[in-house]
Amino acid sequence: MITTADIEQAQQAWGDGIVAIATAHRDGGDYGERARVHVESLYAYGLSDVLFKPTLAAVEQFRPTFDEAWSYFTASNGACPEDKGFAIKGWTAVRFENAGMLIHGSTAQAMGNYFFTDPDGDEVKVEYTFGYVQDDAGALRINLHHSSMPAESS
């Protein structure tokens, strides 16, 4: 059975992965490979269908394939020409603030805000909903990822 701690650990791994991709890009490392491993190890591609709606995707809004998800993070494989590489924007930290979690045995959902720290130390707030399933080893994999910028205040 999935626990709150499992979800928090999966969120930490996701945020750490984004920072590792950005760091590899900044330092001239193989950021494309880091992103491939990030998607391969944290998403459920190959295990189940994945519903992925990235924050900054407008033309190809939904990313049902591994290659389309990988493209979003680094724009290195050419799968979606609109991509600019979300994970290579220099992020130095990612933190989650969960508004709530729903746990149902071997599946779970979490919703809230996550905050991306840019190289100047400023945070960018993004709304998210992640769904999780457990793989055969019991690790959480993302099968639903929807994120969007908060609505403008009037």
Protein backbone atom coordinates (compact mmCIF):
# COMPACT_ATOMS: atom_id res chain seq x y z
CA MET A 1 0.00 0.00 0.00
CA ILE A 2 1.27 3.47 -0.90
CA THR A 3 1.91 5.88 1.97
CA THR A 4 2.17 9.66 2.20
CA ALA A 5 5.91 9.19 2.77
CA ASP A 6 6.15 7.21 -0.50
CA ILE A 7 4.54 10.09 -2.40
CA GLU A 8 6.79 12.65 -0.76
CA GLN A 9 9.84 10.51 -1.61
CA ALA A 10 8.69 10.24 -5.26
CA GLN A 11 8.20 14.02 -5.38
CA GLN A 12 11.69 14.57 -3.95
CA ALA A 13 13.15 12.23 -6.58
CA TRP A 14 11.28 14.08 -9.34
CA GLY A 15 12.52 17.49 -8.14
CA ASP A 16 16.07 16.21 -7.65
CA GLY A 17 15.96 14.83 -11.19
CA ILE A 18 14.98 18.21 -12.65
CA VAL A 19 17.86 19.88 -10.81
CA ALA A 20 20.29 17.15 -11.94
CA ILE A 21 19.26 17.66 -15.58
CA ALA A 22 19.70 21.44 -15.26
CA THR A 23 23.08 20.99 -13.57
CA ALA A 24 24.32 18.60 -16.26
CA HIS A 25 23.24 21.10 -18.93
CA ARG A 26 24.99 23.98 -17.16
CA ASP A 27 28.18 21.97 -16.64
CA GLY A 28 28.34 20.54 -20.16
CA GLY A 29 27.32 17.04 -19.08
CA ASP A 30 25.02 14.56 -20.81
CA TYR A 31 21.76 16.23 -19.80
CA GLY A 32 19.85 14.34 -22.49
CA GLU A 33 20.80 11.02 -20.91
CA ARG A 34 19.93 12.33 -17.44
CA ALA A 35 16.50 13.30 -18.76
CA ARG A 36 16.03 9.93 -20.43
CA VAL A 37 16.76 8.17 -17.13
CA HIS A 38 14.48 10.63 -15.29
CA VAL A 39 11.52 9.78 -17.52
CA GLU A 40 12.37 6.08 -17.65
CA SER A 41 12.66 5.67 -13.87
CA LEU A 42 9.92 8.02 -12.64
CA TYR A 43 7.14 7.68 -15.22
CA ALA A 44 5.04 4.61 -16.02
CA TYR A 45 5.80 4.51 -19.76
CA GLY A 46 6.08 0.84 -20.67
CA LEU A 47 4.07 -0.21 -17.61
CA SER A 48 0.77 1.51 -18.37
CA ASP A 49 -0.68 4.37 -20.32
CA VAL A 50 0.58 7.76 -19.15
CA LEU A 51 -1.44 10.97 -19.24
CA PHE A 52 1.10 13.81 -19.39
CA LYS A 53 0.12 17.46 -19.92
CA PRO A 54 3.27 19.56 -19.46
CA THR A 55 3.08 23.17 -18.29
CA LEU A 56 4.50 24.83 -21.38
CA ALA A 57 3.08 22.58 -24.12
CA ALA A 58 0.62 24.32 -26.44
CA VAL A 59 0.87 22.68 -29.87
CA GLU A 60 1.37 19.10 -28.69
CA GLN A 61 -0.48 19.54 -25.41
CA PHE A 62 -0.54 15.90 -24.41
CA ARG A 63 2.45 13.57 -24.33
CA PRO A 64 1.34 9.92 -24.37
CA THR A 65 4.74 8.54 -25.47
CA PHE A 66 8.11 8.25 -23.81
CA ASP A 67 9.85 10.20 -26.59
CA GLU A 68 7.37 13.08 -26.33
CA ALA A 69 7.88 13.29 -22.55
CA TRP A 70 11.66 13.17 -22.93
CA SER A 71 11.46 15.93 -25.54
CA TYR A 72 9.63 18.21 -23.12
CA PHE A 73 12.42 18.08 -20.56
CA THR A 74 15.40 18.73 -22.88
CA ALA A 75 14.21 19.34 -26.47
CA SER A 76 17.11 17.06 -27.43
CA ASN A 77 15.40 14.33 -29.44
CA GLY A 78 13.24 16.39 -31.81
CA ALA A 79 10.00 14.59 -30.97
CA CYS A 80 8.04 17.83 -30.42
CA PRO A 81 9.41 20.88 -32.30
CA GLU A 82 7.76 23.38 -29.91
CA ASP A 83 9.84 22.20 -26.94
CA LYS A 84 12.52 24.46 -25.51
CA GLY A 85 13.72 22.11 -22.77
CA PHE A 86 11.90 22.81 -19.52
CA ALA A 87 14.49 21.03 -17.37
CA ILE A 88 17.47 22.89 -18.86
CA LYS A 89 16.35 26.34 -17.72
CA GLY A 90 18.88 26.38 -14.90
CA TRP A 91 16.64 25.28 -12.03
CA THR A 92 18.55 25.03 -8.76
CA ALA A 93 15.78 23.62 -6.54
CA VAL A 94 12.27 22.22 -6.71
CA ARG A 95 9.89 22.00 -3.77
CA PHE A 96 6.36 20.65 -3.52
CA GLU A 97 3.47 21.97 -1.44
CA ASN A 98 0.75 19.36 -1.47
CA ALA A 99 -2.83 20.58 -1.20
CA GLY A 100 -4.00 17.00 -0.79
CA MET A 101 -3.38 13.35 -1.52
CA LEU A 102 -5.69 10.46 -2.33
CA ILE A 103 -4.34 6.97 -1.69
CA HIS A 104 -6.12 3.86 -2.92
CA GLY A 105 -3.97 0.79 -2.28
CA SER A 106 -1.42 0.65 -5.10
CA THR A 107 -2.52 3.91 -6.74
CA ALA A 108 -2.45 7.49 -5.51
CA GLN A 109 -2.91 11.08 -6.61
CA ALA A 110 -1.40 14.28 -5.27
CA MET A 111 -2.31 17.88 -6.10
CA GLY A 112 -0.84 21.21 -5.14
CA ASN A 113 1.84 23.65 -6.18
CA TYR A 114 5.46 23.09 -6.94
CA PHE A 115 8.06 25.80 -6.98
CA PHE A 116 11.08 25.96 -9.26
CA THR A 117 14.03 28.09 -8.14
CA ASP A 118 15.82 29.82 -11.00
CA PRO A 119 19.55 30.73 -11.06
CA ASP A 120 18.78 34.16 -9.53
CA GLY A 121 17.03 32.56 -6.54
CA ASP A 122 13.51 33.51 -7.68
CA GLU A 123 10.75 30.93 -7.49
CA VAL A 124 8.28 30.11 -10.23
CA LYS A 125 5.00 28.68 -8.92
CA VAL A 126 3.28 25.97 -10.98
CA GLU A 127 0.11 24.00 -10.20
CA TYR A 128 0.31 20.22 -10.51
CA THR A 129 -1.63 16.99 -10.28
CA PHE A 130 0.35 13.74 -10.30
CA GLY A 131 -1.08 10.22 -10.33
CA TYR A 132 1.04 7.29 -9.20
CA VAL A 133 1.06 3.54 -9.66
CA GLN A 134 3.44 1.06 -8.12
CA ASP A 135 5.78 -0.92 -10.34
CA ASP A 136 6.68 -4.58 -9.68
CA ALA A 137 9.41 -3.48 -7.25
CA GLY A 138 6.96 -1.28 -5.32
CA ALA A 139 8.44 2.00 -6.59
CA LEU A 140 6.04 4.79 -7.50
CA ARG A 141 5.76 5.69 -11.16
CA ILE A 142 3.86 8.68 -12.54
CA ASN A 143 0.94 7.73 -14.76
CA LEU A 144 -0.78 11.14 -14.62
CA HIS A 145 1.07 14.46 -14.79
CA HIS A 146 -0.82 17.67 -15.38
CA SER A 147 0.73 21.03 -14.66
CA SER A 148 -0.21 24.57 -15.48
CA MET A 149 0.60 28.14 -14.58
CA PRO A 150 -1.72 29.67 -11.98
CA ALA A 151 -4.54 31.83 -13.33
CA GLU A 152 -3.93 35.56 -13.33
CA SER A 153 -5.55 37.47 -10.47
CA SER A 154 -8.05 40.08 -11.58
